[in-house]
Amino acid sequence: MSRTLLISLIIYCISINLSFAQTIDLTSVDEFIVVTSALKEGNEVTEDQWIEFENSTGYRRFAEREDKFLINTI
């Protein structure tokens, strides 16, 4: 009985993690890597690259937040 309950709990936790992982948008991370790679190579970041970065979902949500603590800190 306890073994079945433990297995059910593990399966439930795995299913929660899978559904959570599918809701995360990492396009901002991808665009950040593009920008930092260009800078690391000594190249200029193009206007299109900046626009893509600024329009990525995560960055846009962060920039539009009412709480500007981190933005004001930087």
C-alpha atoms as a PDB file:
ATOM      1  CA  MET A   1       0.000   0.000   0.000  1.00  0.00           C
ATOM      2  CA  SER A   2       2.676   2.513   0.990  1.00  0.00           C
ATOM      3  CA  ARG A   3       4.776   1.508  -2.013  1.00  0.00           C
ATOM      4  CA  THR A   4       1.870   2.200  -4.379  1.00  0.00           C
ATOM      5  CA  LEU A   5       1.262   5.540  -2.699  1.00  0.00           C
ATOM      6  CA  LEU A   6       4.945   6.472  -3.022  1.00  0.00           C
ATOM      7  CA  ILE A   7       5.035   5.535  -6.709  1.00  0.00           C
ATOM      8  CA  SER A   8       1.846   7.521  -7.327  1.00  0.00           C
ATOM      9  CA  LEU A   9       3.352  10.537  -5.580  1.00  0.00           C
ATOM     10  CA  ILE A  10       6.530  10.320  -7.676  1.00  0.00           C
ATOM     11  CA  ILE A  11       4.534  10.072 -10.914  1.00  0.00           C
ATOM     12  CA  TYR A  12       2.415  13.043  -9.859  1.00  0.00           C
ATOM     13  CA  CYS A  13       5.502  15.164  -9.097  1.00  0.00           C
ATOM     14  CA  ILE A  14       7.055  14.262 -12.441  1.00  0.00           C
ATOM     15  CA  SER A  15       3.892  15.220 -14.305  1.00  0.00           C
ATOM     16  CA  ILE A  16       3.792  18.596 -12.522  1.00  0.00           C
ATOM     17  CA  ASN A  17       7.417  19.273 -13.454  1.00  0.00           C
ATOM     18  CA  LEU A  18       6.800  18.374 -17.087  1.00  0.00           C
ATOM     19  CA  SER A  19       3.793  20.650 -17.388  1.00  0.00           C
ATOM     20  CA  PHE A  20       5.702  23.499 -15.694  1.00  0.00           C
ATOM     21  CA  ALA A  21       8.687  23.087 -18.001  1.00  0.00           C
ATOM     22  CA  GLN A  22       6.462  23.393 -21.045  1.00  0.00           C
ATOM     23  CA  THR A  23       5.179  26.815 -19.946  1.00  0.00           C
ATOM     24  CA  ILE A  24       8.583  28.506 -19.661  1.00  0.00           C
ATOM     25  CA  ASP A  25       9.589  30.780 -22.538  1.00  0.00           C
ATOM     26  CA  LEU A  26      13.356  30.928 -22.986  1.00  0.00           C
ATOM     27  CA  THR A  27      13.503  33.152 -26.060  1.00  0.00           C
ATOM     28  CA  SER A  28      15.009  35.958 -23.970  1.00  0.00           C
ATOM     29  CA  VAL A  29      17.872  33.696 -22.992  1.00  0.00           C
ATOM     30  CA  ASP A  30      18.447  32.787 -26.640  1.00  0.00           C
ATOM     31  CA  GLU A  31      18.495  36.442 -27.682  1.00  0.00           C
ATOM     32  CA  PHE A  32      20.791  37.326 -24.768  1.00  0.00           C
ATOM     33  CA  ILE A  33      23.246  34.666 -25.920  1.00  0.00           C
ATOM     34  CA  VAL A  34      23.186  36.093 -29.462  1.00  0.00           C
ATOM     35  CA  VAL A  35      23.955  39.598 -28.175  1.00  0.00           C
ATOM     36  CA  THR A  36      26.664  38.515 -25.739  1.00  0.00           C
ATOM     37  CA  SER A  37      28.290  36.266 -28.339  1.00  0.00           C
ATOM     38  CA  ALA A  38      28.554  39.176 -30.747  1.00  0.00           C
ATOM     39  CA  LEU A  39      30.073  41.373 -28.039  1.00  0.00           C
ATOM     40  CA  LYS A  40      32.447  38.634 -26.911  1.00  0.00           C
ATOM     41  CA  GLU A  41      33.724  38.227 -30.480  1.00  0.00           C
ATOM     42  CA  GLY A  42      34.352  41.968 -30.649  1.00  0.00           C
ATOM     43  CA  ASN A  43      31.553  42.612 -33.141  1.00  0.00           C
ATOM     44  CA  GLU A  44      28.977  45.350 -32.995  1.00  0.00           C
ATOM     45  CA  VAL A  45      25.453  44.322 -32.067  1.00  0.00           C
ATOM     46  CA  THR A  46      23.167  45.155 -34.966  1.00  0.00           C
ATOM     47  CA  GLU A  47      19.964  47.125 -34.585  1.00  0.00           C
ATOM     48  CA  ASP A  48      17.971  44.017 -35.560  1.00  0.00           C
ATOM     49  CA  GLN A  49      19.653  41.982 -32.806  1.00  0.00           C
ATOM     50  CA  TRP A  50      18.788  44.643 -30.211  1.00  0.00           C
ATOM     51  CA  ILE A  51      15.203  44.774 -31.454  1.00  0.00           C
ATOM     52  CA  GLU A  52      14.881  40.976 -31.254  1.00  0.00           C
ATOM     53  CA  PHE A  53      16.313  41.028 -27.719  1.00  0.00           C
ATOM     54  CA  GLU A  54      14.064  43.862 -26.530  1.00  0.00           C
ATOM     55  CA  ASN A  55      10.991  42.237 -28.068  1.00  0.00           C
ATOM     56  CA  SER A  56      11.634  38.828 -26.522  1.00  0.00           C
ATOM     57  CA  THR A  57       8.911  37.806 -24.100  1.00  0.00           C
ATOM     58  CA  GLY A  58      10.927  37.609 -20.902  1.00  0.00           C
ATOM     59  CA  TYR A  59      12.742  40.899 -21.387  1.00  0.00           C
ATOM     60  CA  ARG A  60       9.540  42.717 -22.342  1.00  0.00           C
ATOM     61  CA  ARG A  61       7.696  41.385 -19.290  1.00  0.00           C
ATOM     62  CA  PHE A  62      10.594  42.352 -17.034  1.00  0.00           C
ATOM     63  CA  ALA A  63      10.879  45.849 -18.510  1.00  0.00           C
ATOM     64  CA  GLU A  64       7.132  46.478 -18.182  1.00  0.00           C
ATOM     65  CA  ARG A  65       6.926  45.442 -14.523  1.00  0.00           C
ATOM     66  CA  GLU A  66       5.725  48.001 -12.016  1.00  0.00           C
ATOM     67  CA  ASP A  67       8.474  46.943  -9.604  1.00  0.00           C
ATOM     68  CA  LYS A  68      11.585  48.589 -11.119  1.00  0.00           C
ATOM     69  CA  PHE A  69      13.918  47.646  -8.252  1.00  0.00           C
ATOM     70  CA  LEU A  70      16.477  45.751 -10.334  1.00  0.00           C
ATOM     71  CA  ILE A  71      16.305  48.151 -13.256  1.00  0.00           C
ATOM     72  CA  ASN A  72      16.860  51.131 -10.934  1.00  0.00           C
ATOM     73  CA  THR A  73      19.692  49.276  -9.185  1.00  0.00           C
ATOM     74  CA  ILE A  74      21.593  48.772 -12.428  1.00  0.00           C
END
